[in-house]
C-alpha atoms as a PDB file:
ATOM      1  CA  UNK A   1     -20.381 -11.597 -36.501  1.00  0.00           C
ATOM      2  CA  UNK A   2     -20.711 -11.050 -32.773  1.00  0.00           C
ATOM      3  CA  UNK A   3     -18.930 -13.726 -30.740  1.00  0.00           C
ATOM      4  CA  UNK A   4     -19.834 -13.780 -27.055  1.00  0.00           C
ATOM      5  CA  UNK A   5     -16.804 -15.843 -26.029  1.00  0.00           C
ATOM      6  CA  UNK A   6     -14.377 -13.441 -27.699  1.00  0.00           C
ATOM      7  CA  UNK A   7     -16.107 -10.483 -26.095  1.00  0.00           C
ATOM      8  CA  UNK A   8     -15.921 -12.101 -22.659  1.00  0.00           C
ATOM      9  CA  UNK A   9     -12.226 -12.891 -23.137  1.00  0.00           C
ATOM     10  CA  UNK A  10     -11.584  -9.316 -24.185  1.00  0.00           C
ATOM     11  CA  UNK A  11     -13.441  -7.962 -21.148  1.00  0.00           C
ATOM     12  CA  UNK A  12     -11.513 -10.305 -18.867  1.00  0.00           C
ATOM     13  CA  UNK A  13      -8.201  -9.080 -20.282  1.00  0.00           C
ATOM     14  CA  UNK A  14      -9.308  -5.458 -19.876  1.00  0.00           C
ATOM     15  CA  UNK A  15     -10.290  -6.153 -16.272  1.00  0.00           C
ATOM     16  CA  UNK A  16      -6.880  -7.653 -15.553  1.00  0.00           C
ATOM     17  CA  UNK A  17      -5.165  -4.556 -16.970  1.00  0.00           C
ATOM     18  CA  UNK A  18      -7.348  -2.227 -14.901  1.00  0.00           C
ATOM     19  CA  UNK A  19      -6.595  -4.291 -11.799  1.00  0.00           C
ATOM     20  CA  UNK A  20      -2.845  -4.011 -12.448  1.00  0.00           C
ATOM     21  CA  UNK A  21      -3.173  -0.247 -12.775  1.00  0.00           C
ATOM     22  CA  UNK A  22      -5.264  -0.031  -9.608  1.00  0.00           C
ATOM     23  CA  UNK A  23      -2.719  -1.991  -7.586  1.00  0.00           C
ATOM     24  CA  UNK A  24       0.078   0.130  -9.037  1.00  0.00           C
ATOM     25  CA  UNK A  25      -1.678   3.285  -7.876  1.00  0.00           C
ATOM     26  CA  UNK A  26      -2.328   1.796  -4.441  1.00  0.00           C
ATOM     27  CA  UNK A  27       1.318   0.732  -4.149  1.00  0.00           C
ATOM     28  CA  UNK A  28       2.409   4.270  -4.998  1.00  0.00           C
ATOM     29  CA  UNK A  29       0.564   5.560  -1.931  1.00  0.00           C
ATOM     30  CA  UNK A  30       3.117   3.722   0.210  1.00  0.00           C
ATOM     31  CA  UNK A  31       6.166   5.342  -1.370  1.00  0.00           C
ATOM     32  CA  UNK A  32       6.086   8.394   0.946  1.00  0.00           C
ATOM     33  CA  UNK A  33       6.766   6.016   3.853  1.00  0.00           C
ATOM     34  CA  UNK A  34      10.001   4.651   2.352  1.00  0.00           C
ATOM     35  CA  UNK A  35      11.953   7.344   4.206  1.00  0.00           C
ATOM     36  CA  UNK A  36      11.258   5.466   7.436  1.00  0.00           C
ATOM     37  CA  UNK A  37      13.728   2.787   6.348  1.00  0.00           C
ATOM     38  CA  UNK A  38      16.549   5.102   5.300  1.00  0.00           C
ATOM     39  CA  UNK A  39      19.593   5.456   7.526  1.00  0.00           C
ATOM     40  CA  UNK A  40      19.757   8.412   9.888  1.00  0.00           C
ATOM     41  CA  UNK A  41      23.045   8.527  11.779  1.00  0.00           C
ATOM     42  CA  UNK A  42      23.456   4.772  11.488  1.00  0.00           C
ATOM     43  CA  UNK A  43      19.855   3.961  12.543  1.00  0.00           C
ATOM     44  CA  UNK A  44      16.701   3.486  10.524  1.00  0.00           C
ATOM     45  CA  UNK A  45      14.653   6.667  10.562  1.00  0.00           C
ATOM     46  CA  UNK A  46      11.625   4.963  12.129  1.00  0.00           C
ATOM     47  CA  UNK A  47      13.771   4.210  15.193  1.00  0.00           C
ATOM     48  CA  UNK A  48      14.906   7.800  15.766  1.00  0.00           C
ATOM     49  CA  UNK A  49      11.853   9.948  15.030  1.00  0.00           C
ATOM     50  CA  UNK A  50       9.852  11.372  17.912  1.00  0.00           C
ATOM     51  CA  UNK A  51       6.944   9.417  19.356  1.00  0.00           C
ATOM     52  CA  UNK A  52       4.454  12.107  18.305  1.00  0.00           C
ATOM     53  CA  UNK A  53       5.610  11.684  14.696  1.00  0.00           C
ATOM     54  CA  UNK A  54       5.278   7.914  15.000  1.00  0.00           C
ATOM     55  CA  UNK A  55       1.754   8.319  16.386  1.00  0.00           C
ATOM     56  CA  UNK A  56       0.758  10.575  13.494  1.00  0.00           C
ATOM     57  CA  UNK A  57       2.099   8.133  10.928  1.00  0.00           C
ATOM     58  CA  UNK A  58       0.423   5.169  12.620  1.00  0.00           C
ATOM     59  CA  UNK A  59      -2.879   7.053  12.731  1.00  0.00           C
ATOM     60  CA  UNK A  60      -2.677   7.831   9.026  1.00  0.00           C
ATOM     61  CA  UNK A  61      -1.852   4.240   8.168  1.00  0.00           C
ATOM     62  CA  UNK A  62      -4.634   2.794  10.338  1.00  0.00           C
ATOM     63  CA  UNK A  63      -7.369   5.263   9.434  1.00  0.00           C
ATOM     64  CA  UNK A  64      -6.650   5.925   5.775  1.00  0.00           C
ATOM     65  CA  UNK A  65      -4.473   3.374   4.034  1.00  0.00           C
ATOM     66  CA  UNK A  66      -5.279   0.113   5.787  1.00  0.00           C
ATOM     67  CA  UNK A  67      -9.060   0.354   5.167  1.00  0.00           C
ATOM     68  CA  UNK A  68      -8.437   1.431   1.567  1.00  0.00           C
ATOM     69  CA  UNK A  69      -6.160  -1.539   0.938  1.00  0.00           C
ATOM     70  CA  UNK A  70      -8.520  -3.992   2.652  1.00  0.00           C
ATOM     71  CA  UNK A  71     -11.479  -2.693   0.669  1.00  0.00           C
ATOM     72  CA  UNK A  72      -9.563  -3.173  -2.576  1.00  0.00           C
ATOM     73  CA  UNK A  73      -8.154  -6.555  -1.538  1.00  0.00           C
ATOM     74  CA  UNK A  74      -4.605  -5.237  -1.957  1.00  0.00           C
ATOM     75  CA  UNK A  75      -2.965  -7.845   0.271  1.00  0.00           C
ATOM     76  CA  UNK A  76       0.597  -6.702  -0.444  1.00  0.00           C
ATOM     77  CA  UNK A  77      -0.296  -3.219   0.772  1.00  0.00           C
ATOM     78  CA  UNK A  78      -2.072  -4.533   3.861  1.00  0.00           C
ATOM     79  CA  UNK A  79       1.013  -6.520   4.828  1.00  0.00           C
ATOM     80  CA  UNK A  80       3.352  -3.587   4.232  1.00  0.00           C
ATOM     81  CA  UNK A  81       1.176  -1.241   6.315  1.00  0.00           C
ATOM     82  CA  UNK A  82       1.069  -3.766   9.157  1.00  0.00           C
ATOM     83  CA  UNK A  83       4.868  -4.078   9.019  1.00  0.00           C
ATOM     84  CA  UNK A  84       5.363  -0.325   9.135  1.00  0.00           C
ATOM     85  CA  UNK A  85       2.980  -0.030  12.099  1.00  0.00           C
ATOM     86  CA  UNK A  86       4.750  -2.880  13.904  1.00  0.00           C
ATOM     87  CA  UNK A  87       8.143  -1.285  13.298  1.00  0.00           C
ATOM     88  CA  UNK A  88       6.915   2.110  14.528  1.00  0.00           C
ATOM     89  CA  UNK A  89       5.395   0.576  17.653  1.00  0.00           C
ATOM     90  CA  UNK A  90       8.747  -1.163  18.144  1.00  0.00           C
END
């Protein structure tokens, strides 16, 4: 027989799984920026790239990723984007 409580519990579990997948996908969008923290001649890459490159990266982070993360309440991503921007602004 149909049990509303069981159905609600099942839907809640499904929602949690979808949320995990969503956050995993959002986190993956930050992976291309990992290169900024690799060593380049003894310095972190974000310290040695040209200002025009920094400006382009900052623009992308501010216009594309930050709003996406805020809209999806992906706090970990918001914090990471803010850190990258702060580091680039140095």
